[in-house]
Amino acid sequence: RADITATKRLLSILQTSSPSYVLMSSIDYCL
């Protein structure tokens, strides 16, 4: 029921265009 396409679009608008790889590395390590 969720609209994945619309969600992706808004995330791309709202999240920084310079995402931190330090933070993403931390997510990866946690998972």
All heavy atoms as atom14 arrays in JSON, in Angstrom:
{
  "sequence": "RADITATKRLLSILQTSSPSYVLMSSIDYCL",
  "atom14_mask": [
    [1, 1, 1, 1, 1, 1, 1, 1, 1, 1, 1, 0, 0, 0],
    [1, 1, 1, 1, 1, 0, 0, 0, 0, 0, 0, 0, 0, 0],
    [1, 1, 1, 1, 1, 1, 1, 1, 0, 0, 0, 0, 0, 0],
    [1, 1, 1, 1, 1, 1, 1, 1, 0, 0, 0, 0, 0, 0],
    [1, 1, 1, 1, 1, 1, 1, 0, 0, 0, 0, 0, 0, 0],
    [1, 1, 1, 1, 1, 0, 0, 0, 0, 0, 0, 0, 0, 0],
    [1, 1, 1, 1, 1, 1, 1, 0, 0, 0, 0, 0, 0, 0],
    [1, 1, 1, 1, 1, 1, 1, 1, 1, 0, 0, 0, 0, 0],
    [1, 1, 1, 1, 1, 1, 1, 1, 1, 1, 1, 0, 0, 0],
    [1, 1, 1, 1, 1, 1, 1, 1, 0, 0, 0, 0, 0, 0],
    [1, 1, 1, 1, 1, 1, 1, 1, 0, 0, 0, 0, 0, 0],
    [1, 1, 1, 1, 1, 1, 0, 0, 0, 0, 0, 0, 0, 0],
    [1, 1, 1, 1, 1, 1, 1, 1, 0, 0, 0, 0, 0, 0],
    [1, 1, 1, 1, 1, 1, 1, 1, 0, 0, 0, 0, 0, 0],
    [1, 1, 1, 1, 1, 1, 1, 1, 1, 0, 0, 0, 0, 0],
    [1, 1, 1, 1, 1, 1, 1, 0, 0, 0, 0, 0, 0, 0],
    [1, 1, 1, 1, 1, 1, 0, 0, 0, 0, 0, 0, 0, 0],
    [1, 1, 1, 1, 1, 1, 0, 0, 0, 0, 0, 0, 0, 0],
    [1, 1, 1, 1, 1, 1, 1, 0, 0, 0, 0, 0, 0, 0],
    [1, 1, 1, 1, 1, 1, 0, 0, 0, 0, 0, 0, 0, 0],
    [1, 1, 1, 1, 1, 1, 1, 1, 1, 1, 1, 1, 0, 0],
    [1, 1, 1, 1, 1, 1, 1, 0, 0, 0, 0, 0, 0, 0],
    [1, 1, 1, 1, 1, 1, 1, 1, 0, 0, 0, 0, 0, 0],
    [1, 1, 1, 1, 1, 1, 1, 1, 0, 0, 0, 0, 0, 0],
    [1, 1, 1, 1, 1, 1, 0, 0, 0, 0, 0, 0, 0, 0],
    [1, 1, 1, 1, 1, 1, 0, 0, 0, 0, 0, 0, 0, 0],
    [1, 1, 1, 1, 1, 1, 1, 1, 0, 0, 0, 0, 0, 0],
    [1, 1, 1, 1, 1, 1, 1, 1, 0, 0, 0, 0, 0, 0],
    [1, 1, 1, 1, 1, 1, 1, 1, 1, 1, 1, 1, 0, 0],
    [1, 1, 1, 1, 1, 1, 0, 0, 0, 0, 0, 0, 0, 0],
    [1, 1, 1, 1, 1, 1, 1, 1, 0, 0, 0, 0, 0, 0]
  ],
  "atom14_positions": [
    [[0.82, -1.21, 0.0], [0.0, 0.0, 0.0], [0.86, 1.26, 0.0], [0.41, 2.33, -0.42], [-0.93, 0.01, 1.22], [-2.09, -0.98, 1.14], [-2.92, -0.93, 2.41], [-2.19, -1.56, 3.51], [-2.32, -2.84, 3.85], [-3.17, -3.62, 3.2], [-1.63, -3.34, 4.83], [0.0, 0.0, 0.0], [0.0, 0.0, 0.0], [0.0, 0.0, 0.0]],
    [[2.09, 1.15, 0.49], [2.99, 2.3, 0.56], [3.49, 2.66, -0.83], [3.7, 1.79, -1.68], [4.16, 1.99, 1.48], [0.0, 0.0, 0.0], [0.0, 0.0, 0.0], [0.0, 0.0, 0.0], [0.0, 0.0, 0.0], [0.0, 0.0, 0.0], [0.0, 0.0, 0.0], [0.0, 0.0, 0.0], [0.0, 0.0, 0.0], [0.0, 0.0, 0.0]],
    [[3.69, 3.94, -1.05], [4.15, 4.45, -2.34], [5.68, 4.6, -2.31], [6.21, 5.61, -1.84], [3.49, 5.8, -2.64], [3.74, 6.27, -4.07], [4.76, 5.89, -4.66], [2.91, 7.05, -4.59], [0.0, 0.0, 0.0], [0.0, 0.0, 0.0], [0.0, 0.0, 0.0], [0.0, 0.0, 0.0], [0.0, 0.0, 0.0], [0.0, 0.0, 0.0]],
    [[6.36, 3.57, -2.8], [7.82, 3.57, -2.74], [8.42, 4.65, -3.62], [9.38, 5.33, -3.24], [8.36, 2.18, -3.14], [7.93, 1.13, -2.1], [9.87, 2.2, -3.27], [8.36, -0.28, -2.43], [0.0, 0.0, 0.0], [0.0, 0.0, 0.0], [0.0, 0.0, 0.0], [0.0, 0.0, 0.0], [0.0, 0.0, 0.0], [0.0, 0.0, 0.0]],
    [[7.86, 4.85, -4.8], [8.4, 5.84, -5.73], [8.33, 7.25, -5.14], [9.3, 8.01, -5.18], [7.64, 5.8, -7.07], [7.76, 4.49, -7.63], [8.2, 6.83, -8.03], [0.0, 0.0, 0.0], [0.0, 0.0, 0.0], [0.0, 0.0, 0.0], [0.0, 0.0, 0.0], [0.0, 0.0, 0.0], [0.0, 0.0, 0.0], [0.0, 0.0, 0.0]],
    [[7.17, 7.61, -4.58], [7.02, 8.93, -3.98], [7.92, 9.09, -2.77], [8.46, 10.17, -2.53], [5.56, 9.16, -3.6], [0.0, 0.0, 0.0], [0.0, 0.0, 0.0], [0.0, 0.0, 0.0], [0.0, 0.0, 0.0], [0.0, 0.0, 0.0], [0.0, 0.0, 0.0], [0.0, 0.0, 0.0], [0.0, 0.0, 0.0], [0.0, 0.0, 0.0]],
    [[8.09, 8.01, -2.01], [8.96, 8.07, -0.83], [10.41, 8.31, -1.24], [11.11, 9.14, -0.64], [8.84, 6.77, -0.02], [7.47, 6.55, 0.35], [9.69, 6.84, 1.23], [0.0, 0.0, 0.0], [0.0, 0.0, 0.0], [0.0, 0.0, 0.0], [0.0, 0.0, 0.0], [0.0, 0.0, 0.0], [0.0, 0.0, 0.0], [0.0, 0.0, 0.0]],
    [[10.86, 7.58, -2.25], [12.23, 7.78, -2.74], [12.44, 9.21, -3.2], [13.48, 9.84, -2.93], [12.5, 6.82, -3.91], [12.74, 5.38, -3.52], [13.02, 4.55, -4.77], [13.31, 3.1, -4.43], [13.55, 2.28, -5.64], [0.0, 0.0, 0.0], [0.0, 0.0, 0.0], [0.0, 0.0, 0.0], [0.0, 0.0, 0.0], [0.0, 0.0, 0.0]],
    [[11.46, 9.74, -3.91], [11.59, 11.1, -4.44], [11.74, 12.12, -3.31], [12.62, 12.99, -3.36], [10.36, 11.43, -5.3], [10.34, 12.87, -5.81], [9.11, 13.15, -6.67], [9.04, 14.56, -7.01], [8.48, 15.5, -6.25], [7.93, 15.14, -5.09], [8.46, 16.76, -6.61], [0.0, 0.0, 0.0], [0.0, 0.0, 0.0], [0.0, 0.0, 0.0]],
    [[10.89, 12.0, -2.28], [10.96, 12.97, -1.2], [12.23, 12.8, -0.36], [12.81, 13.78, 0.11], [9.72, 12.86, -0.31], [8.56, 13.77, -0.72], [7.37, 13.57, 0.19], [8.99, 15.24, -0.68], [0.0, 0.0, 0.0], [0.0, 0.0, 0.0], [0.0, 0.0, 0.0], [0.0, 0.0, 0.0], [0.0, 0.0, 0.0], [0.0, 0.0, 0.0]],
    [[12.66, 11.57, -0.17], [13.91, 11.37, 0.56], [15.07, 12.01, -0.18], [15.97, 12.61, 0.43], [14.17, 9.88, 0.77], [13.41, 9.2, 1.91], [13.69, 7.7, 1.91], [13.79, 9.82, 3.25], [0.0, 0.0, 0.0], [0.0, 0.0, 0.0], [0.0, 0.0, 0.0], [0.0, 0.0, 0.0], [0.0, 0.0, 0.0], [0.0, 0.0, 0.0]],
    [[15.07, 11.91, -1.5], [16.13, 12.52, -2.28], [16.11, 14.04, -2.18], [17.14, 14.7, -2.23], [16.0, 12.1, -3.76], [17.12, 12.53, -4.5], [0.0, 0.0, 0.0], [0.0, 0.0, 0.0], [0.0, 0.0, 0.0], [0.0, 0.0, 0.0], [0.0, 0.0, 0.0], [0.0, 0.0, 0.0], [0.0, 0.0, 0.0], [0.0, 0.0, 0.0]],
    [[14.91, 14.6, -2.01], [14.78, 16.05, -1.84], [15.2, 16.48, -0.44], [15.9, 17.48, -0.26], [13.32, 16.49, -2.11], [12.98, 16.3, -3.59], [13.09, 17.94, -1.69], [11.5, 16.5, -3.9], [0.0, 0.0, 0.0], [0.0, 0.0, 0.0], [0.0, 0.0, 0.0], [0.0, 0.0, 0.0], [0.0, 0.0, 0.0], [0.0, 0.0, 0.0]],
    [[14.79, 15.73, 0.57], [14.96, 16.16, 1.95], [16.3, 15.79, 2.58], [16.77, 16.48, 3.48], [13.82, 15.58, 2.8], [12.42, 16.08, 2.46], [11.36, 15.25, 3.18], [12.26, 17.54, 2.81], [0.0, 0.0, 0.0], [0.0, 0.0, 0.0], [0.0, 0.0, 0.0], [0.0, 0.0, 0.0], [0.0, 0.0, 0.0], [0.0, 0.0, 0.0]],
    [[16.9, 14.7, 2.14], [18.2, 14.33, 2.69], [19.3, 15.13, 2.02], [19.2, 15.52, 0.86], [18.47, 12.83, 2.51], [17.56, 11.93, 3.32], [18.28, 10.75, 3.92], [18.83, 10.83, 5.0], [18.25, 9.63, 3.21], [0.0, 0.0, 0.0], [0.0, 0.0, 0.0], [0.0, 0.0, 0.0], [0.0, 0.0, 0.0], [0.0, 0.0, 0.0]],
    [[20.36, 15.36, 2.75], [21.48, 16.13, 2.22], [22.04, 15.5, 0.94], [22.05, 14.27, 0.79], [22.6, 16.25, 3.26], [23.73, 16.93, 2.66], [23.06, 14.88, 3.75], [0.0, 0.0, 0.0], [0.0, 0.0, 0.0], [0.0, 0.0, 0.0], [0.0, 0.0, 0.0], [0.0, 0.0, 0.0], [0.0, 0.0, 0.0], [0.0, 0.0, 0.0]],
    [[22.51, 16.36, 0.03], [23.14, 15.86, -1.19], [24.59, 15.46, -0.94], [25.27, 14.99, -1.85], [23.08, 16.94, -2.29], [23.75, 18.11, -1.86], [0.0, 0.0, 0.0], [0.0, 0.0, 0.0], [0.0, 0.0, 0.0], [0.0, 0.0, 0.0], [0.0, 0.0, 0.0], [0.0, 0.0, 0.0], [0.0, 0.0, 0.0], [0.0, 0.0, 0.0]],
    [[25.07, 15.67, 0.28], [26.43, 15.26, 0.66], [26.36, 14.33, 1.87], [26.77, 14.69, 2.97], [27.28, 16.49, 0.99], [27.36, 17.37, -0.1], [0.0, 0.0, 0.0], [0.0, 0.0, 0.0], [0.0, 0.0, 0.0], [0.0, 0.0, 0.0], [0.0, 0.0, 0.0], [0.0, 0.0, 0.0], [0.0, 0.0, 0.0], [0.0, 0.0, 0.0]],
    [[25.81, 13.14, 1.69], [25.62, 12.24, 2.82], [26.95, 11.8, 3.43], [27.93, 11.58, 2.72], [24.87, 11.05, 2.22], [25.21, 11.07, 0.77], [25.36, 12.52, 0.42], [0.0, 0.0, 0.0], [0.0, 0.0, 0.0], [0.0, 0.0, 0.0], [0.0, 0.0, 0.0], [0.0, 0.0, 0.0], [0.0, 0.0, 0.0], [0.0, 0.0, 0.0]],
    [[26.95, 11.69, 4.75], [28.17, 11.32, 5.47], [28.45, 9.82, 5.36], [27.65, 9.0, 5.79], [28.03, 11.7, 6.95], [29.05, 11.11, 7.71], [0.0, 0.0, 0.0], [0.0, 0.0, 0.0], [0.0, 0.0, 0.0], [0.0, 0.0, 0.0], [0.0, 0.0, 0.0], [0.0, 0.0, 0.0], [0.0, 0.0, 0.0], [0.0, 0.0, 0.0]],
    [[29.59, 9.49, 4.82], [29.99, 8.09, 4.74], [30.42, 7.57, 6.11], [30.43, 6.36, 6.34], [31.09, 7.9, 3.7], [30.52, 7.75, 2.3], [30.07, 8.87, 1.59], [30.36, 6.5, 1.72], [29.52, 8.75, 0.33], [29.81, 6.36, 0.46], [29.39, 7.49, -0.23], [28.82, 7.35, -1.47], [0.0, 0.0, 0.0], [0.0, 0.0, 0.0]],
    [[30.78, 8.46, 7.02], [31.04, 8.04, 8.39], [29.76, 7.48, 9.01], [29.75, 6.42, 9.62], [31.58, 9.22, 9.23], [31.79, 8.79, 10.68], [32.88, 9.75, 8.64], [0.0, 0.0, 0.0], [0.0, 0.0, 0.0], [0.0, 0.0, 0.0], [0.0, 0.0, 0.0], [0.0, 0.0, 0.0], [0.0, 0.0, 0.0], [0.0, 0.0, 0.0]],
    [[28.65, 8.21, 8.81], [27.37, 7.75, 9.35], [26.91, 6.47, 8.65], [26.42, 5.54, 9.31], [26.31, 8.83, 9.21], [26.55, 10.12, 10.02], [25.44, 11.12, 9.76], [26.66, 9.82, 11.5], [0.0, 0.0, 0.0], [0.0, 0.0, 0.0], [0.0, 0.0, 0.0], [0.0, 0.0, 0.0], [0.0, 0.0, 0.0], [0.0, 0.0, 0.0]],
    [[27.05, 6.42, 7.34], [26.62, 5.22, 6.63], [27.47, 4.01, 6.99], [26.97, 2.88, 7.07], [26.62, 5.49, 5.12], [25.53, 6.47, 4.71], [25.3, 6.66, 2.93], [26.77, 7.58, 2.47], [0.0, 0.0, 0.0], [0.0, 0.0, 0.0], [0.0, 0.0, 0.0], [0.0, 0.0, 0.0], [0.0, 0.0, 0.0], [0.0, 0.0, 0.0]],
    [[28.76, 4.22, 7.26], [29.61, 3.13, 7.73], [29.13, 2.63, 9.09], [29.15, 1.43, 9.38], [31.07, 3.61, 7.85], [31.61, 3.92, 6.6], [0.0, 0.0, 0.0], [0.0, 0.0, 0.0], [0.0, 0.0, 0.0], [0.0, 0.0, 0.0], [0.0, 0.0, 0.0], [0.0, 0.0, 0.0], [0.0, 0.0, 0.0], [0.0, 0.0, 0.0]],
    [[28.69, 3.57, 9.93], [28.19, 3.2, 11.24], [26.92, 2.35, 11.13], [26.74, 1.38, 11.87], [27.92, 4.47, 12.07], [27.4, 4.14, 13.34], [0.0, 0.0, 0.0], [0.0, 0.0, 0.0], [0.0, 0.0, 0.0], [0.0, 0.0, 0.0], [0.0, 0.0, 0.0], [0.0, 0.0, 0.0], [0.0, 0.0, 0.0], [0.0, 0.0, 0.0]],
    [[26.03, 2.73, 10.22], [24.81, 1.93, 9.98], [25.19, 0.53, 9.52], [24.65, -0.48, 10.01], [23.9, 2.62, 8.94], [23.34, 3.92, 9.51], [22.76, 1.68, 8.52], [22.56, 4.75, 8.49], [0.0, 0.0, 0.0], [0.0, 0.0, 0.0], [0.0, 0.0, 0.0], [0.0, 0.0, 0.0], [0.0, 0.0, 0.0], [0.0, 0.0, 0.0]],
    [[26.1, 0.44, 8.59], [26.52, -0.85, 8.05], [27.1, -1.74, 9.15], [26.76, -2.92, 9.26], [27.54, -0.63, 6.93], [27.89, -1.91, 6.21], [26.98, -2.54, 5.64], [29.08, -2.29, 6.21], [0.0, 0.0, 0.0], [0.0, 0.0, 0.0], [0.0, 0.0, 0.0], [0.0, 0.0, 0.0], [0.0, 0.0, 0.0], [0.0, 0.0, 0.0]],
    [[27.94, -1.14, 9.98], [28.57, -1.9, 11.07], [27.52, -2.39, 12.06], [27.56, -3.55, 12.51], [29.6, -1.01, 11.78], [30.45, -1.75, 12.79], [31.57, -2.47, 12.39], [30.14, -1.71, 14.14], [32.35, -3.14, 13.31], [30.9, -2.38, 15.07], [32.01, -3.1, 14.65], [32.77, -3.77, 15.57], [0.0, 0.0, 0.0], [0.0, 0.0, 0.0]],
    [[26.55, -1.53, 12.39], [25.49, -1.9, 13.32], [24.67, -3.06, 12.77], [24.39, -4.03, 13.49], [24.6, -0.68, 13.58], [23.16, -1.01, 14.62], [0.0, 0.0, 0.0], [0.0, 0.0, 0.0], [0.0, 0.0, 0.0], [0.0, 0.0, 0.0], [0.0, 0.0, 0.0], [0.0, 0.0, 0.0], [0.0, 0.0, 0.0], [0.0, 0.0, 0.0]],
    [[24.28, -2.98, 11.51], [23.47, -4.04, 10.91], [24.21, -5.36, 10.87], [23.64, -6.43, 11.13], [23.04, -3.62, 9.5], [22.09, -2.43, 9.41], [21.87, -2.05, 7.94], [20.75, -2.74, 10.08], [0.0, 0.0, 0.0], [0.0, 0.0, 0.0], [0.0, 0.0, 0.0], [0.0, 0.0, 0.0], [0.0, 0.0, 0.0], [0.0, 0.0, 0.0]]
  ]
}
